[in-house]
Amino acid sequence: MRDTAWVWGKDAWRVFAKDMRVEMRSKELLITVSFFALILIVVFSVGFVPQGEINQADDIARRALPGVIWVTIAFCGVLGLGKAFARELTGDTMRALLLTPMSRSAIFAGKTLAIAVYMLLVEAVVVLFATLFFNAPVGENFGWLCLFLLLGTFGFATVGSLFSAVLLRSKARDVLLPVILFPILMPLLLAAAKGTSAILQMPMDAASMTSWLKFLLAYDIFMLIAAMWTFDSAITE
């Protein structure tokens, strides 16, 4: 059993390392998605922060920033998913991965982990510029915000990796992916936004934040089990 788990972990790490090496060489995905995120943050800041009313900045940040952060992450996540899995069409890489003796669940785990790391790197840019443009009071509760980002990103990457792989060969995958993905991710995005809003309140609403944190954790566990269970049959069909 331990040897099997060790082999599974090594296979998942190989898939993850392969994706990260490809991205670090080109940086195409990180640069494109980070630039898109920056544009969204600038547009949102111009729309939400009233000009000449700096004294209202903290209140506006607490009310608008959670939605801004998670809407930006949602759009950037879908864009990143499309680009990351489109690479697997080159040289029919996905078919080659499926023909290897490694477990399908290990392939899924490696792809999901790589997508999560991509998203976390982009989210660092999102949080940095959102903090600057919205004058956001996140310093005291930054650790809790990072925990919400981590759980939200993991859930997003889990669901997104599954459906991106399923739609890989579809000619309409760029249209179908957000149409299928967003309804399933809506509970995650709402919970993450509500939890982030509780964190930004002064003082922090600990009871609300804890309840949304538990919801996110339960959502991630359920989706991970469902994705691991269905990935093999879904990718084969």
Protein backbone atom coordinates (compact mmCIF):
# COMPACT_ATOMS: atom_id res chain seq x y z
CA MET A 1 0.00 0.00 0.00
CA ARG A 2 2.79 2.42 0.92
CA ASP A 3 4.70 1.57 -2.28
CA THR A 4 1.56 2.21 -4.33
CA ALA A 5 1.02 5.58 -2.67
CA TRP A 6 4.68 6.47 -3.25
CA VAL A 7 4.45 5.63 -6.97
CA TRP A 8 1.19 7.57 -7.25
CA GLY A 9 2.77 10.61 -5.64
CA LYS A 10 5.83 10.44 -7.91
CA ASP A 11 3.62 10.21 -11.00
CA ALA A 12 1.53 13.19 -9.90
CA TRP A 13 4.72 15.16 -9.21
CA ARG A 14 6.08 14.35 -12.68
CA VAL A 15 2.95 15.74 -14.34
CA PHE A 16 3.06 18.82 -12.12
CA ALA A 17 6.78 19.38 -12.74
CA LYS A 18 6.30 19.00 -16.50
CA ASP A 19 3.60 21.69 -16.56
CA MET A 20 5.62 24.04 -14.38
CA ARG A 21 8.75 23.65 -16.53
CA VAL A 22 6.77 24.47 -19.66
CA GLU A 23 5.29 27.57 -18.04
CA MET A 24 8.54 28.81 -16.53
CA ARG A 25 10.23 28.60 -19.93
CA SER A 26 7.58 30.58 -21.81
CA LYS A 27 5.80 32.50 -18.99
CA GLU A 28 3.04 32.98 -21.54
CA LEU A 29 0.23 32.04 -19.19
CA LEU A 30 1.42 34.03 -16.18
CA ILE A 31 2.12 37.19 -18.15
CA THR A 32 -1.13 37.10 -20.14
CA VAL A 33 -3.42 36.34 -17.21
CA SER A 34 -1.63 38.74 -14.82
CA PHE A 35 -1.96 41.56 -17.35
CA PHE A 36 -5.66 40.78 -17.77
CA ALA A 37 -6.09 40.78 -13.98
CA LEU A 38 -4.38 44.17 -13.72
CA ILE A 39 -6.71 45.64 -16.33
CA LEU A 40 -9.76 44.34 -14.45
CA ILE A 41 -8.54 45.77 -11.15
CA VAL A 42 -7.91 49.18 -12.72
CA VAL A 43 -11.35 49.24 -14.36
CA PHE A 44 -13.07 48.18 -11.12
CA SER A 45 -11.16 50.77 -9.09
CA VAL A 46 -12.16 53.56 -11.47
CA GLY A 47 -15.78 52.44 -11.31
CA PHE A 48 -16.07 51.87 -7.55
CA VAL A 49 -13.79 54.43 -5.89
CA PRO A 50 -15.37 57.90 -6.11
CA GLN A 51 -12.99 60.55 -7.35
CA GLY A 52 -12.10 63.18 -4.76
CA GLU A 53 -13.69 61.23 -1.88
CA ILE A 54 -10.66 59.61 -0.31
CA ASN A 55 -12.32 59.61 3.12
CA GLN A 56 -14.76 56.97 1.83
CA ALA A 57 -12.05 54.65 0.49
CA ASP A 58 -11.96 52.26 3.46
CA ASP A 59 -15.74 51.81 3.50
CA ILE A 60 -15.84 51.22 -0.26
CA ALA A 61 -13.00 48.71 -0.02
CA ARG A 62 -14.80 46.69 2.63
CA ARG A 63 -18.00 46.59 0.57
CA ALA A 64 -16.69 46.24 -2.99
CA LEU A 65 -13.30 44.56 -2.71
CA PRO A 66 -14.46 40.98 -1.98
CA GLY A 67 -16.54 40.92 -5.16
CA VAL A 68 -13.78 42.57 -7.16
CA ILE A 69 -11.18 40.04 -6.03
CA TRP A 70 -13.27 36.94 -6.69
CA VAL A 71 -14.76 38.12 -9.98
CA THR A 72 -11.22 38.85 -11.18
CA ILE A 73 -10.04 35.44 -9.99
CA ALA A 74 -12.99 33.74 -11.72
CA PHE A 75 -12.35 35.40 -15.09
CA CYS A 76 -8.59 34.92 -14.88
CA GLY A 77 -9.05 31.31 -13.78
CA VAL A 78 -11.19 30.44 -16.82
CA LEU A 79 -8.72 32.18 -19.12
CA GLY A 80 -5.82 30.30 -17.54
CA LEU A 81 -7.62 26.96 -17.72
CA GLY A 82 -8.26 27.37 -21.42
CA LYS A 83 -4.65 28.22 -22.18
CA ALA A 84 -3.15 25.57 -19.90
CA PHE A 85 -5.14 22.70 -21.38
CA ALA A 86 -4.83 23.96 -24.95
CA ARG A 87 -1.13 23.08 -24.67
CA GLU A 88 -2.07 19.43 -24.37
CA LEU A 89 -3.36 19.50 -27.95
CA THR A 90 0.15 20.17 -29.26
CA GLY A 91 1.67 16.86 -30.23
CA ASP A 92 -1.40 15.15 -28.75
CA THR A 93 0.20 15.37 -25.30
CA MET A 94 -2.93 14.41 -23.41
CA ARG A 95 -3.25 11.15 -25.35
CA ALA A 96 0.42 10.43 -24.62
CA LEU A 97 -0.17 11.01 -20.90
CA LEU A 98 -3.18 8.71 -20.91
CA LEU A 99 -1.14 5.97 -22.63
CA THR A 100 1.54 6.01 -19.96
CA PRO A 101 1.34 3.39 -17.17
CA MET A 102 0.68 6.03 -14.52
CA SER A 103 -2.68 6.26 -12.77
CA ARG A 104 -5.32 8.55 -14.29
CA SER A 105 -5.94 10.02 -10.85
CA ALA A 106 -2.22 10.90 -10.60
CA ILE A 107 -2.45 12.71 -13.95
CA PHE A 108 -5.47 14.63 -12.69
CA ALA A 109 -3.76 15.49 -9.40
CA GLY A 110 -0.65 16.78 -11.16
CA LYS A 111 -2.67 18.92 -13.59
CA THR A 112 -4.84 20.28 -10.78
CA LEU A 113 -1.84 21.18 -8.63
CA ALA A 114 -0.19 22.99 -11.55
CA ILE A 115 -3.37 24.96 -12.27
CA ALA A 116 -3.65 25.87 -8.57
CA VAL A 117 -0.07 27.16 -8.50
CA TYR A 118 -0.66 29.23 -11.66
CA MET A 119 -3.75 30.76 -10.09
CA LEU A 120 -2.04 31.50 -6.77
CA LEU A 121 0.76 33.35 -8.56
CA VAL A 122 -1.80 35.45 -10.44
CA GLU A 123 -3.77 36.02 -7.24
CA ALA A 124 -0.68 37.50 -5.63
CA VAL A 125 -0.80 40.16 -8.36
CA VAL A 126 -4.56 40.59 -7.88
CA VAL A 127 -4.32 41.10 -4.12
CA LEU A 128 -1.30 43.40 -4.41
CA PHE A 129 -2.91 45.77 -6.90
CA ALA A 130 -6.36 45.54 -5.33
CA THR A 131 -4.80 46.57 -2.01
CA LEU A 132 -3.07 49.51 -3.67
CA PHE A 133 -5.97 50.76 -5.80
CA PHE A 134 -8.67 50.26 -3.16
CA ASN A 135 -6.57 51.19 -0.13
CA ALA A 136 -7.79 47.90 1.34
CA PRO A 137 -7.40 47.23 5.10
CA VAL A 138 -6.11 43.66 4.79
CA GLY A 139 -2.93 43.88 6.84
CA GLU A 140 -4.29 42.67 10.20
CA ASN A 141 -6.19 39.71 8.76
CA PHE A 142 -3.89 38.87 5.85
CA GLY A 143 -3.40 35.29 7.05
CA TRP A 144 -7.14 34.58 6.99
CA LEU A 145 -7.41 36.11 3.51
CA CYS A 146 -4.60 33.83 2.30
CA LEU A 147 -6.45 30.81 3.71
CA PHE A 148 -9.61 31.75 1.80
CA LEU A 149 -7.58 32.27 -1.36
CA LEU A 150 -5.94 28.88 -0.91
CA LEU A 151 -9.21 26.99 -0.37
CA GLY A 152 -11.03 28.87 -3.12
CA THR A 153 -8.20 28.31 -5.57
CA PHE A 154 -7.99 24.60 -4.81
CA GLY A 155 -11.72 24.14 -5.37
CA PHE A 156 -11.62 26.18 -8.57
CA ALA A 157 -8.63 24.23 -9.91
CA THR A 158 -10.24 20.88 -9.04
CA VAL A 159 -13.50 21.55 -10.87
CA GLY A 160 -11.83 23.49 -13.67
CA SER A 161 -9.25 20.81 -14.39
CA LEU A 162 -11.93 18.13 -14.69
CA PHE A 163 -14.11 20.01 -17.16
CA SER A 164 -11.18 21.45 -19.10
CA ALA A 165 -9.90 17.92 -19.69
CA VAL A 166 -13.36 16.67 -20.68
CA LEU A 167 -13.84 19.54 -23.17
CA LEU A 168 -10.27 19.43 -24.48
CA ARG A 169 -11.17 18.10 -27.94
CA SER A 170 -14.39 20.07 -28.31
CA LYS A 171 -14.23 22.79 -30.96
CA ALA A 172 -16.46 24.98 -28.81
CA ARG A 173 -14.51 24.46 -25.58
CA ASP A 174 -13.79 28.19 -25.12
CA VAL A 175 -17.54 28.86 -25.09
CA LEU A 176 -18.67 25.75 -23.25
CA LEU A 177 -16.13 25.90 -20.41
CA PRO A 178 -17.43 29.04 -18.65
CA VAL A 179 -21.05 28.08 -19.38
CA ILE A 180 -20.60 24.74 -17.58
CA LEU A 181 -18.06 25.86 -15.00
CA PHE A 182 -19.59 28.98 -13.47
CA PRO A 183 -22.90 27.43 -12.29
CA ILE A 184 -20.97 24.66 -10.51
CA LEU A 185 -18.48 27.14 -9.03
CA MET A 186 -21.15 29.64 -7.94
CA PRO A 187 -21.39 28.27 -4.34
CA LEU A 188 -17.59 28.45 -4.02
CA LEU A 189 -17.39 32.00 -5.36
CA LEU A 190 -20.26 33.21 -3.16
CA ALA A 191 -18.77 31.59 -0.05
CA ALA A 192 -15.32 32.99 -0.80
CA ALA A 193 -16.70 36.49 -1.38
CA LYS A 194 -18.83 36.42 1.78
CA GLY A 195 -15.92 35.11 3.83
CA THR A 196 -13.59 37.76 2.43
CA SER A 197 -16.20 40.41 3.25
CA ALA A 198 -16.33 39.16 6.85
CA ILE A 199 -12.54 39.38 7.04
CA LEU A 200 -12.48 42.99 5.81
CA GLN A 201 -15.06 44.20 8.30
CA MET A 202 -13.78 46.28 11.20
CA PRO A 203 -13.71 44.45 13.52
CA MET A 204 -13.59 41.13 11.69
CA ASP A 205 -16.80 39.11 11.81
CA ALA A 206 -15.19 35.92 13.14
CA ALA A 207 -18.40 33.87 13.37
CA SER A 208 -19.41 34.53 9.76
CA MET A 209 -15.86 34.02 8.52
CA THR A 210 -15.60 30.64 10.28
CA SER A 211 -18.89 29.37 8.88
CA TRP A 212 -17.94 30.29 5.31
CA LEU A 213 -14.50 28.76 5.82
CA LYS A 214 -16.10 25.45 6.85
CA PHE A 215 -18.38 25.60 3.81
CA LEU A 216 -15.41 26.12 1.49
CA LEU A 217 -13.53 23.22 3.06
CA ALA A 218 -16.54 20.90 2.69
CA TYR A 219 -17.04 22.02 -0.92
CA ASP A 220 -13.38 21.34 -1.77
CA ILE A 221 -13.44 17.87 -0.22
CA PHE A 222 -16.67 16.91 -1.96
CA MET A 223 -15.52 18.18 -5.36
CA LEU A 224 -12.11 16.52 -5.04
CA ILE A 225 -13.70 13.13 -4.31
CA ALA A 226 -16.21 13.54 -7.15
CA ALA A 227 -13.54 14.68 -9.63
CA MET A 228 -11.11 11.88 -8.77
CA TRP A 229 -13.92 9.35 -9.08
CA THR A 230 -15.20 10.59 -12.46
CA PHE A 231 -11.99 11.72 -14.19
CA ASP A 232 -11.02 8.32 -15.58
CA SER A 233 -14.34 7.60 -17.25
CA ALA A 234 -14.88 11.22 -18.31
CA ILE A 235 -11.50 11.61 -20.04
CA THR A 236 -11.77 8.22 -21.76
CA GLU A 237 -15.12 8.90 -23.42
